[in-house]
Amino acid sequence: MKLLANCVQYLVIAIIIYPVYYIWETDKVTNFCEQVEDGMSKEQFVRLSEQANVNIRGPADDGFIGGKWQASVVPGKFITAEKCVIKGSGNKVASAKLFEVETPG
């Protein structure tokens, strides 16, 4: 019975904390995406992502197209909101846009 009570308490705490976590993580991604400027160097972009402490995927080359790359920044785990997609060419950022994350179903 005590185990059940403890589980319920943990569940209530998680339900209270999750909205704060959700807002924190989505704001981090939105603010970061707004700070990325067209023409910014790739190194500045990577440094900015480290300072903002965001989950970055990439930059990865876009196949065989000469020098084009793409990176994305997504909120933390268990959050399906917006993601920031950054595209660049060579050593420069070309664009940074927010997109809705599509949920399966």
PDB file of N, CA and C in Angstrom:
ATOM      1  N   MET A   1       0.818  -1.185   0.000  1.00  0.00           N
ATOM      2  CA  MET A   1       0.000   0.000   0.000  1.00  0.00           C
ATOM      3  C   MET A   1       0.869   1.258   0.000  1.00  0.00           C
ATOM      4  N   LYS A   2       1.978   1.204   0.767  1.00  0.00           N
ATOM      5  CA  LYS A   2       2.882   2.347   0.822  1.00  0.00           C
ATOM      6  C   LYS A   2       3.526   2.579  -0.547  1.00  0.00           C
ATOM      7  N   LEU A   3       3.832   1.515  -1.256  1.00  0.00           N
ATOM      8  CA  LEU A   3       4.408   1.622  -2.593  1.00  0.00           C
ATOM      9  C   LEU A   3       3.441   2.329  -3.539  1.00  0.00           C
ATOM     10  N   LEU A   4       2.172   1.978  -3.471  1.00  0.00           N
ATOM     11  CA  LEU A   4       1.155   2.623  -4.306  1.00  0.00           C
ATOM     12  C   LEU A   4       1.061   4.116  -3.982  1.00  0.00           C
ATOM     13  N   ALA A   5       1.093   4.455  -2.707  1.00  0.00           N
ATOM     14  CA  ALA A   5       1.025   5.862  -2.298  1.00  0.00           C
ATOM     15  C   ALA A   5       2.234   6.632  -2.820  1.00  0.00           C
ATOM     16  N   ASN A   6       3.406   6.021  -2.749  1.00  0.00           N
ATOM     17  CA  ASN A   6       4.615   6.668  -3.275  1.00  0.00           C
ATOM     18  C   ASN A   6       4.523   6.871  -4.786  1.00  0.00           C
ATOM     19  N   CYS A   7       4.022   5.880  -5.498  1.00  0.00           N
ATOM     20  CA  CYS A   7       3.864   5.993  -6.946  1.00  0.00           C
ATOM     21  C   CYS A   7       2.903   7.117  -7.305  1.00  0.00           C
ATOM     22  N   VAL A   8       1.817   7.224  -6.582  1.00  0.00           N
ATOM     23  CA  VAL A   8       0.849   8.293  -6.837  1.00  0.00           C
ATOM     24  C   VAL A   8       1.482   9.652  -6.565  1.00  0.00           C
ATOM     25  N   GLN A   9       2.273   9.757  -5.519  1.00  0.00           N
ATOM     26  CA  GLN A   9       2.949  11.021  -5.215  1.00  0.00           C
ATOM     27  C   GLN A   9       3.919  11.411  -6.330  1.00  0.00           C
ATOM     28  N   TYR A  10       4.684  10.447  -6.836  1.00  0.00           N
ATOM     29  CA  TYR A  10       5.609  10.731  -7.927  1.00  0.00           C
ATOM     30  C   TYR A  10       4.859  11.150  -9.188  1.00  0.00           C
ATOM     31  N   LEU A  11       3.740  10.516  -9.438  1.00  0.00           N
ATOM     32  CA  LEU A  11       2.927  10.865 -10.601  1.00  0.00           C
ATOM     33  C   LEU A  11       2.409  12.293 -10.488  1.00  0.00           C
ATOM     34  N   VAL A  12       1.931  12.674  -9.333  1.00  0.00           N
ATOM     35  CA  VAL A  12       1.428  14.038  -9.114  1.00  0.00           C
ATOM     36  C   VAL A  12       2.557  15.054  -9.300  1.00  0.00           C
ATOM     37  N   ILE A  13       3.732  14.762  -8.797  1.00  0.00           N
ATOM     38  CA  ILE A  13       4.878  15.658  -8.957  1.00  0.00           C
ATOM     39  C   ILE A  13       5.233  15.805 -10.437  1.00  0.00           C
ATOM     40  N   ALA A  14       5.229  14.698 -11.168  1.00  0.00           N
ATOM     41  CA  ALA A  14       5.540  14.742 -12.594  1.00  0.00           C
ATOM     42  C   ALA A  14       4.502  15.569 -13.358  1.00  0.00           C
ATOM     43  N   ILE A  15       3.242  15.440 -13.001  1.00  0.00           N
ATOM     44  CA  ILE A  15       2.180  16.197 -13.665  1.00  0.00           C
ATOM     45  C   ILE A  15       2.336  17.691 -13.384  1.00  0.00           C
ATOM     46  N   ILE A  16       2.817  18.043 -12.240  1.00  0.00           N
ATOM     47  CA  ILE A  16       3.016  19.450 -11.897  1.00  0.00           C
ATOM     48  C   ILE A  16       4.255  20.016 -12.599  1.00  0.00           C
ATOM     49  N   ILE A  17       5.316  19.243 -12.678  1.00  0.00           N
ATOM     50  CA  ILE A  17       6.578  19.727 -13.230  1.00  0.00           C
ATOM     51  C   ILE A  17       6.590  19.745 -14.759  1.00  0.00           C
ATOM     52  N   TYR A  18       5.895  18.838 -15.426  1.00  0.00           N
ATOM     53  CA  TYR A  18       5.964  18.720 -16.879  1.00  0.00           C
ATOM     54  C   TYR A  18       5.622  20.024 -17.611  1.00  0.00           C
ATOM     55  N   PRO A  19       4.559  20.741 -17.262  1.00  0.00           N
ATOM     56  CA  PRO A  19       4.278  21.993 -17.990  1.00  0.00           C
ATOM     57  C   PRO A  19       5.411  23.019 -17.900  1.00  0.00           C
ATOM     58  N   VAL A  20       6.065  23.091 -16.765  1.00  0.00           N
ATOM     59  CA  VAL A  20       7.196  24.017 -16.615  1.00  0.00           C
ATOM     60  C   VAL A  20       8.339  23.577 -17.526  1.00  0.00           C
ATOM     61  N   TYR A  21       8.623  22.289 -17.543  1.00  0.00           N
ATOM     62  CA  TYR A  21       9.661  21.730 -18.409  1.00  0.00           C
ATOM     63  C   TYR A  21       9.331  21.980 -19.878  1.00  0.00           C
ATOM     64  N   TYR A  22       8.084  21.784 -20.259  1.00  0.00           N
ATOM     65  CA  TYR A  22       7.632  21.980 -21.641  1.00  0.00           C
ATOM     66  C   TYR A  22       7.867  23.428 -22.073  1.00  0.00           C
ATOM     67  N   ILE A  23       7.430  24.377 -21.266  1.00  0.00           N
ATOM     68  CA  ILE A  23       7.578  25.790 -21.599  1.00  0.00           C
ATOM     69  C   ILE A  23       9.055  26.171 -21.667  1.00  0.00           C
ATOM     70  N   TRP A  24       9.828  25.694 -20.707  1.00  0.00           N
ATOM     71  CA  TRP A  24      11.263  25.983 -20.666  1.00  0.00           C
ATOM     72  C   TRP A  24      11.955  25.528 -21.951  1.00  0.00           C
ATOM     73  N   GLU A  25      11.720  24.291 -22.344  1.00  0.00           N
ATOM     74  CA  GLU A  25      12.396  23.720 -23.509  1.00  0.00           C
ATOM     75  C   GLU A  25      11.926  24.352 -24.820  1.00  0.00           C
ATOM     76  N   THR A  26      10.622  24.576 -24.977  1.00  0.00           N
ATOM     77  CA  THR A  26      10.139  25.172 -26.226  1.00  0.00           C
ATOM     78  C   THR A  26      10.593  26.622 -26.362  1.00  0.00           C
ATOM     79  N   ASP A  27      10.633  27.361 -25.265  1.00  0.00           N
ATOM     80  CA  ASP A  27      11.133  28.739 -25.315  1.00  0.00           C
ATOM     81  C   ASP A  27      12.607  28.771 -25.680  1.00  0.00           C
ATOM     82  N   LYS A  28      13.371  27.817 -25.178  1.00  0.00           N
ATOM     83  CA  LYS A  28      14.796  27.743 -25.492  1.00  0.00           C
ATOM     84  C   LYS A  28      15.009  27.589 -26.999  1.00  0.00           C
ATOM     85  N   VAL A  29      14.222  26.702 -27.623  1.00  0.00           N
ATOM     86  CA  VAL A  29      14.357  26.467 -29.055  1.00  0.00           C
ATOM     87  C   VAL A  29      13.915  27.702 -29.853  1.00  0.00           C
ATOM     88  N   THR A  30      12.792  28.285 -29.463  1.00  0.00           N
ATOM     89  CA  THR A  30      12.289  29.464 -30.167  1.00  0.00           C
ATOM     90  C   THR A  30      13.277  30.627 -30.070  1.00  0.00           C
ATOM     91  N   ASN A  31      13.777  30.895 -28.879  1.00  0.00           N
ATOM     92  CA  ASN A  31      14.739  31.986 -28.696  1.00  0.00           C
ATOM     93  C   ASN A  31      16.024  31.748 -29.473  1.00  0.00           C
ATOM     94  N   PHE A  32      16.487  30.500 -29.478  1.00  0.00           N
ATOM     95  CA  PHE A  32      17.703  30.178 -30.218  1.00  0.00           C
ATOM     96  C   PHE A  32      17.501  30.417 -31.707  1.00  0.00           C
ATOM     97  N   CYS A  33      16.367  29.968 -32.226  1.00  0.00           N
ATOM     98  CA  CYS A  33      16.094  30.095 -33.657  1.00  0.00           C
ATOM     99  C   CYS A  33      16.017  31.569 -34.066  1.00  0.00           C
ATOM    100  N   GLU A  34      15.511  32.415 -33.179  1.00  0.00           N
ATOM    101  CA  GLU A  34      15.432  33.840 -33.463  1.00  0.00           C
ATOM    102  C   GLU A  34      16.813  34.501 -33.434  1.00  0.00           C
ATOM    103  N   GLN A  35      17.753  33.926 -32.711  1.00  0.00           N
ATOM    104  CA  GLN A  35      19.104  34.494 -32.615  1.00  0.00           C
ATOM    105  C   GLN A  35      19.980  34.134 -33.806  1.00  0.00           C
ATOM    106  N   VAL A  36      19.645  33.040 -34.499  1.00  0.00           N
ATOM    107  CA  VAL A  36      20.439  32.621 -35.648  1.00  0.00           C
ATOM    108  C   VAL A  36      20.139  33.579 -36.803  1.00  0.00           C
ATOM    109  N   GLU A  37      21.183  34.170 -37.359  1.00  0.00           N
ATOM    110  CA  GLU A  37      21.023  35.165 -38.416  1.00  0.00           C
ATOM    111  C   GLU A  37      21.558  34.626 -39.735  1.00  0.00           C
ATOM    112  N   ASP A  38      20.908  35.024 -40.826  1.00  0.00           N
ATOM    113  CA  ASP A  38      21.401  34.690 -42.157  1.00  0.00           C
ATOM    114  C   ASP A  38      22.777  35.315 -42.337  1.00  0.00           C
ATOM    115  N   GLY A  39      23.696  34.560 -42.906  1.00  0.00           N
ATOM    116  CA  GLY A  39      25.043  35.062 -43.125  1.00  0.00           C
ATOM    117  C   GLY A  39      26.002  34.780 -41.975  1.00  0.00           C
ATOM    118  N   MET A  40      25.475  34.298 -40.862  1.00  0.00           N
ATOM    119  CA  MET A  40      26.314  33.938 -39.712  1.00  0.00           C
ATOM    120  C   MET A  40      27.215  32.771 -40.125  1.00  0.00           C
ATOM    121  N   SER A  41      28.445  32.762 -39.639  1.00  0.00           N
ATOM    122  CA  SER A  41      29.337  31.657 -39.998  1.00  0.00           C
ATOM    123  C   SER A  41      28.900  30.373 -39.282  1.00  0.00           C
ATOM    124  N   LYS A  42      29.300  29.266 -39.847  1.00  0.00           N
ATOM    125  CA  LYS A  42      28.962  27.960 -39.277  1.00  0.00           C
ATOM    126  C   LYS A  42      29.560  27.820 -37.880  1.00  0.00           C
ATOM    127  N   GLU A  43      30.775  28.333 -37.678  1.00  0.00           N
ATOM    128  CA  GLU A  43      31.417  28.254 -36.376  1.00  0.00           C
ATOM    129  C   GLU A  43      30.660  29.083 -35.332  1.00  0.00           C
ATOM    130  N   GLN A  44      30.203  30.281 -35.726  1.00  0.00           N
ATOM    131  CA  GLN A  44      29.411  31.112 -34.814  1.00  0.00           C
ATOM    132  C   GLN A  44      28.112  30.408 -34.448  1.00  0.00           C
ATOM    133  N   PHE A  45      27.505  29.762 -35.427  1.00  0.00           N
ATOM    134  CA  PHE A  45      26.264  29.027 -35.208  1.00  0.00           C
ATOM    135  C   PHE A  45      26.465  27.900 -34.198  1.00  0.00           C
ATOM    136  N   VAL A  46      27.527  27.136 -34.360  1.00  0.00           N
ATOM    137  CA  VAL A  46      27.807  26.026 -33.441  1.00  0.00           C
ATOM    138  C   VAL A  46      28.118  26.565 -32.043  1.00  0.00           C
ATOM    139  N   ARG A  47      28.895  27.642 -31.973  1.00  0.00           N
ATOM    140  CA  ARG A  47      29.205  28.256 -30.680  1.00  0.00           C
ATOM    141  C   ARG A  47      27.935  28.764 -29.990  1.00  0.00           C
ATOM    142  N   LEU A  48      27.042  29.393 -30.765  1.00  0.00           N
ATOM    143  CA  LEU A  48      25.779  29.887 -30.223  1.00  0.00           C
ATOM    144  C   LEU A  48      24.926  28.741 -29.689  1.00  0.00           C
ATOM    145  N   SER A  49      24.919  27.612 -30.390  1.00  0.00           N
ATOM    146  CA  SER A  49      24.137  26.458 -29.930  1.00  0.00           C
ATOM    147  C   SER A  49      24.699  25.892 -28.629  1.00  0.00           C
ATOM    148  N   GLU A  50      26.018  25.931 -28.483  1.00  0.00           N
ATOM    149  CA  GLU A  50      26.626  25.466 -27.233  1.00  0.00           C
ATOM    150  C   GLU A  50      26.303  26.404 -26.080  1.00  0.00           C
ATOM    151  N   GLN A  51      26.325  27.716 -26.341  1.00  0.00           N
ATOM    152  CA  GLN A  51      26.002  28.693 -25.302  1.00  0.00           C
ATOM    153  C   GLN A  51      24.534  28.611 -24.895  1.00  0.00           C
ATOM    154  N   ALA A  52      23.657  28.350 -25.862  1.00  0.00           N
ATOM    155  CA  ALA A  52      22.223  28.279 -25.579  1.00  0.00           C
ATOM    156  C   ALA A  52      21.831  26.940 -24.956  1.00  0.00           C
ATOM    157  N   ASN A  53      22.748  25.978 -24.991  1.00  0.00           N
ATOM    158  CA  ASN A  53      22.503  24.659 -24.404  1.00  0.00           C
ATOM    159  C   ASN A  53      21.259  23.989 -24.990  1.00  0.00           C
ATOM    160  N   VAL A  54      21.218  23.915 -26.323  1.00  0.00           N
ATOM    161  CA  VAL A  54      20.092  23.297 -27.018  1.00  0.00           C
ATOM    162  C   VAL A  54      20.517  21.959 -27.613  1.00  0.00           C
ATOM    163  N   ASN A  55      19.532  21.111 -27.888  1.00  0.00           N
ATOM    164  CA  ASN A  55      19.787  19.803 -28.498  1.00  0.00           C
ATOM    165  C   ASN A  55      19.885  19.984 -30.009  1.00  0.00           C
ATOM    166  N   ILE A  56      21.112  19.966 -30.529  1.00  0.00           N
ATOM    167  CA  ILE A  56      21.316  20.199 -31.954  1.00  0.00           C
ATOM    168  C   ILE A  56      21.647  18.883 -32.650  1.00  0.00           C
ATOM    169  N   ARG A  57      21.066  18.707 -33.801  1.00  0.00           N
ATOM    170  CA  ARG A  57      21.350  17.534 -34.648  1.00  0.00           C
ATOM    171  C   ARG A  57      21.983  18.058 -35.924  1.00  0.00           C
ATOM    172  N   GLY A  58      23.249  17.789 -36.094  1.00  0.00           N
ATOM    173  CA  GLY A  58      23.953  18.280 -37.261  1.00  0.00           C
ATOM    174  C   GLY A  58      25.006  19.277 -36.832  1.00  0.00           C
ATOM    175  N   PRO A  59      25.522  20.075 -37.682  1.00  0.00           N
ATOM    176  CA  PRO A  59      25.203  20.200 -39.098  1.00  0.00           C
ATOM    177  C   PRO A  59      25.715  19.002 -39.901  1.00  0.00           C
ATOM    178  N   ALA A  60      24.868  18.535 -40.776  1.00  0.00           N
ATOM    179  CA  ALA A  60      25.191  17.389 -41.629  1.00  0.00           C
ATOM    180  C   ALA A  60      25.066  17.812 -43.082  1.00  0.00           C
ATOM    181  N   ASP A  61      25.961  17.283 -43.916  1.00  0.00           N
ATOM    182  CA  ASP A  61      25.940  17.616 -45.339  1.00  0.00           C
ATOM    183  C   ASP A  61      24.683  17.074 -45.995  1.00  0.00           C
ATOM    184  N   ASP A  62      24.148  17.856 -46.937  1.00  0.00           N
ATOM    185  CA  ASP A  62      22.974  17.449 -47.711  1.00  0.00           C
ATOM    186  C   ASP A  62      23.418  16.695 -48.960  1.00  0.00           C
ATOM    187  N   GLY A  63      23.770  15.455 -48.778  1.00  0.00           N
ATOM    188  CA  GLY A  63      24.100  14.590 -49.902  1.00  0.00           C
ATOM    189  C   GLY A  63      25.274  15.087 -50.721  1.00  0.00           C
ATOM    190  N   PHE A  64      25.107  15.035 -52.034  1.00  0.00           N
ATOM    191  CA  PHE A  64      26.192  15.363 -52.947  1.00  0.00           C
ATOM    192  C   PHE A  64      26.115  16.796 -53.461  1.00  0.00           C
ATOM    193  N   ILE A  65      25.175  17.572 -52.943  1.00  0.00           N
ATOM    194  CA  ILE A  65      25.043  18.954 -53.385  1.00  0.00           C
ATOM    195  C   ILE A  65      26.182  19.748 -52.766  1.00  0.00           C
ATOM    196  N   GLY A  66      26.976  20.384 -53.593  1.00  0.00           N
ATOM    197  CA  GLY A  66      28.204  21.028 -53.160  1.00  0.00           C
ATOM    198  C   GLY A  66      28.116  21.988 -51.996  1.00  0.00           C
ATOM    199  N   GLY A  67      28.573  21.541 -50.832  1.00  0.00           N
ATOM    200  CA  GLY A  67      28.733  22.398 -49.682  1.00  0.00           C
ATOM    201  C   GLY A  67      27.478  22.754 -48.897  1.00  0.00           C
ATOM    202  N   LYS A  68      26.333  22.224 -49.274  1.00  0.00           N
ATOM    203  CA  LYS A  68      25.112  22.549 -48.537  1.00  0.00           C
ATOM    204  C   LYS A  68      24.983  21.642 -47.320  1.00  0.00           C
ATOM    205  N   TRP A  69      24.478  22.209 -46.217  1.00  0.00           N
ATOM    206  CA  TRP A  69      24.330  21.454 -44.978  1.00  0.00           C
ATOM    207  C   TRP A  69      23.045  21.857 -44.289  1.00  0.00           C
ATOM    208  N   GLN A  70      22.657  21.032 -43.319  1.00  0.00           N
ATOM    209  CA  GLN A  70      21.424  21.273 -42.574  1.00  0.00           C
ATOM    210  C   GLN A  70      21.603  20.803 -41.138  1.00  0.00           C
ATOM    211  N   ALA A  71      20.996  21.535 -40.214  1.00  0.00           N
ATOM    212  CA  ALA A  71      20.997  21.157 -38.805  1.00  0.00           C
ATOM    213  C   ALA A  71      19.595  21.415 -38.264  1.00  0.00           C
ATOM    214  N   SER A  72      19.243  20.732 -37.191  1.00  0.00           N
ATOM    215  CA  SER A  72      17.951  20.988 -36.558  1.00  0.00           C
ATOM    216  C   SER A  72      18.133  21.030 -35.046  1.00  0.00           C
ATOM    217  N   VAL A  73      17.300  21.859 -34.426  1.00  0.00           N
ATOM    218  CA  VAL A  73      17.306  22.006 -32.981  1.00  0.00           C
ATOM    219  C   VAL A  73      15.905  21.645 -32.511  1.00  0.00           C
ATOM    220  N   VAL A  74      15.836  20.679 -31.596  1.00  0.00           N
ATOM    221  CA  VAL A  74      14.543  20.208 -31.104  1.00  0.00           C
ATOM    222  C   VAL A  74      14.482  20.364 -29.590  1.00  0.00           C
ATOM    223  N   PRO A  75      13.251  20.509 -29.060  1.00  0.00           N
ATOM    224  CA  PRO A  75      13.114  20.567 -27.601  1.00  0.00           C
ATOM    225  C   PRO A  75      13.547  19.250 -26.964  1.00  0.00           C
ATOM    226  N   GLY A  76      13.568  19.203 -25.654  1.00  0.00           N
ATOM    227  CA  GLY A  76      13.983  18.011 -24.925  1.00  0.00           C
ATOM    228  C   GLY A  76      13.082  16.817 -25.162  1.00  0.00           C
ATOM    229  N   LYS A  77      13.379  15.753 -24.468  1.00  0.00           N
ATOM    230  CA  LYS A  77      12.630  14.506 -24.618  1.00  0.00           C
ATOM    231  C   LYS A  77      11.182  14.677 -24.176  1.00  0.00           C
ATOM    232  N   PHE A  78      10.319  13.888 -24.761  1.00  0.00           N
ATOM    233  CA  PHE A  78       8.894  13.838 -24.432  1.00  0.00           C
ATOM    234  C   PHE A  78       8.151  15.106 -24.833  1.00  0.00           C
ATOM    235  N   ILE A  79       8.738  15.915 -25.722  1.00  0.00           N
ATOM    236  CA  ILE A  79       8.075  17.142 -26.165  1.00  0.00           C
ATOM    237  C   ILE A  79       7.940  17.107 -27.680  1.00  0.00           C
ATOM    238  N   THR A  80       6.733  17.275 -28.147  1.00  0.00           N
ATOM    239  CA  THR A  80       6.485  17.410 -29.572  1.00  0.00           C
ATOM    240  C   THR A  80       5.885  18.796 -29.784  1.00  0.00           C
ATOM    241  N   ALA A  81       6.707  19.716 -30.197  1.00  0.00           N
ATOM    242  CA  ALA A  81       6.267  21.087 -30.409  1.00  0.00           C
ATOM    243  C   ALA A  81       6.866  21.561 -31.729  1.00  0.00           C
ATOM    244  N   GLU A  82       7.649  22.605 -31.674  1.00  0.00           N
ATOM    245  CA  GLU A  82       8.299  23.126 -32.865  1.00  0.00           C
ATOM    246  C   GLU A  82       9.775  22.753 -32.851  1.00  0.00           C
ATOM    247  N   LYS A  83      10.336  22.671 -34.054  1.00  0.00           N
ATOM    248  CA  LYS A  83      11.776  22.483 -34.157  1.00  0.00           C
ATOM    249  C   LYS A  83      12.314  23.573 -35.060  1.00  0.00           C
ATOM    250  N   CYS A  84      13.562  23.895 -34.885  1.00  0.00           N
ATOM    251  CA  CYS A  84      14.224  24.914 -35.687  1.00  0.00           C
ATOM    252  C   CYS A  84      15.112  24.200 -36.698  1.00  0.00           C
ATOM    253  N   VAL A  85      14.889  24.490 -37.968  1.00  0.00           N
ATOM    254  CA  VAL A  85      15.703  23.890 -39.022  1.00  0.00           C
ATOM    255  C   VAL A  85      16.599  24.982 -39.597  1.00  0.00           C
ATOM    256  N   ILE A  86      17.895  24.725 -39.561  1.00  0.00           N
ATOM    257  CA  ILE A  86      18.883  25.678 -40.038  1.00  0.00           C
ATOM    258  C   ILE A  86      19.534  25.095 -41.276  1.00  0.00           C
ATOM    259  N   LYS A  87      19.534  25.868 -42.345  1.00  0.00           N
ATOM    260  CA  LYS A  87      20.172  25.430 -43.591  1.00  0.00           C
ATOM    261  C   LYS A  87      21.301  26.387 -43.907  1.00  0.00           C
ATOM    262  N   GLY A  88      22.342  25.821 -44.494  1.00  0.00           N
ATOM    263  CA  GLY A  88      23.488  26.644 -44.835  1.00  0.00           C
ATOM    264  C   GLY A  88      24.191  26.165 -46.078  1.00  0.00           C
ATOM    265  N   SER A  89      25.102  26.976 -46.542  1.00  0.00           N
ATOM    266  CA  SER A  89      25.893  26.645 -47.704  1.00  0.00           C
ATOM    267  C   SER A  89      27.333  27.055 -47.434  1.00  0.00           C
ATOM    268  N   GLY A  90      28.230  26.132 -47.620  1.00  0.00           N
ATOM    269  CA  GLY A  90      29.630  26.413 -47.337  1.00  0.00           C
ATOM    270  C   GLY A  90      29.831  26.666 -45.859  1.00  0.00           C
ATOM    271  N   ASN A  91      30.333  27.848 -45.527  1.00  0.00           N
ATOM    272  CA  ASN A  91      30.608  28.182 -44.134  1.00  0.00           C
ATOM    273  C   ASN A  91      29.602  29.197 -43.588  1.00  0.00           C
ATOM    274  N   LYS A  92      28.475  29.393 -44.275  1.00  0.00           N
ATOM    275  CA  LYS A  92      27.510  30.415 -43.876  1.00  0.00           C
ATOM    276  C   LYS A  92      26.112  29.817 -43.668  1.00  0.00           C
ATOM    277  N   VAL A  93      25.380  30.415 -42.732  1.00  0.00           N
ATOM    278  CA  VAL A  93      23.986  30.054 -42.501  1.00  0.00           C
ATOM    279  C   VAL A  93      23.138  30.756 -43.554  1.00  0.00           C
ATOM    280  N   ALA A  94      22.249  30.011 -44.200  1.00  0.00           N
ATOM    281  CA  ALA A  94      21.377  30.598 -45.213  1.00  0.00           C
ATOM    282  C   ALA A  94      20.009  30.948 -44.633  1.00  0.00           C
ATOM    283  N   SER A  95      19.467  30.074 -43.766  1.00  0.00           N
ATOM    284  CA  SER A  95      18.146  30.347 -43.180  1.00  0.00           C
ATOM    285  C   SER A  95      17.960  29.543 -41.904  1.00  0.00           C
ATOM    286  N   ALA A  96      17.067  30.060 -41.060  1.00  0.00           N
ATOM    287  CA  ALA A  96      16.679  29.369 -39.827  1.00  0.00           C
ATOM    288  C   ALA A  96      15.182  29.579 -39.660  1.00  0.00           C
ATOM    289  N   LYS A  97      14.429  28.483 -39.657  1.00  0.00           N
ATOM    290  CA  LYS A  97      12.973  28.572 -39.574  1.00  0.00           C
ATOM    291  C   LYS A  97      12.416  27.584 -38.566  1.00  0.00           C
ATOM    292  N   LEU A  98      11.315  27.973 -37.921  1.00  0.00           N
ATOM    293  CA  LEU A  98      10.609  27.096 -37.003  1.00  0.00           C
ATOM    294  C   LEU A  98       9.566  26.298 -37.774  1.00  0.00           C
ATOM    295  N   PHE A  99       9.471  25.000 -37.478  1.00  0.00           N
ATOM    296  CA  PHE A  99       8.487  24.116 -38.094  1.00  0.00           C
ATOM    297  C   PHE A  99       7.781  23.314 -37.011  1.00  0.00           C
ATOM    298  N   GLU A 100       6.517  23.001 -37.217  1.00  0.00           N
ATOM    299  CA  GLU A 100       5.786  22.120 -36.322  1.00  0.00           C
ATOM    300  C   GLU A 100       6.327  20.709 -36.448  1.00  0.00           C
ATOM    301  N   VAL A 101       6.496  20.029 -35.345  1.00  0.00           N
ATOM    302  CA  VAL A 101       6.917  18.630 -35.366  1.00  0.00           C
ATOM    303  C   VAL A 101       5.671  17.796 -35.603  1.00  0.00           C
ATOM    304  N   GLU A 102       5.718  16.965 -36.637  1.00  0.00           N
ATOM    305  CA  GLU A 102       4.568  16.128 -36.945  1.00  0.00           C
ATOM    306  C   GLU A 102       4.564  14.906 -36.055  1.00  0.00           C
ATOM    307  N   THR A 103       3.424  14.654 -35.438  1.00  0.00           N
ATOM    308  CA  THR A 103       3.284  13.469 -34.590  1.00  0.00           C
ATOM    309  C   THR A 103       2.621  12.369 -35.395  1.00  0.00           C
ATOM    310  N   PRO A 104       3.105  11.143 -35.274  1.00  0.00           N
ATOM    311  CA  PRO A 104       2.495  10.041 -36.004  1.00  0.00           C
ATOM    312  C   PRO A 104       1.096   9.742 -35.474  1.00  0.00           C
ATOM    313  N   GLY A 105       0.227   9.372 -36.385  1.00  0.00           N
ATOM    314  CA  GLY A 105      -1.095   8.984 -35.899  1.00  0.00           C
ATOM    315  C   GLY A 105      -2.178   9.445 -36.685  1.00  0.00           C
TER     316      GLY A 105
END
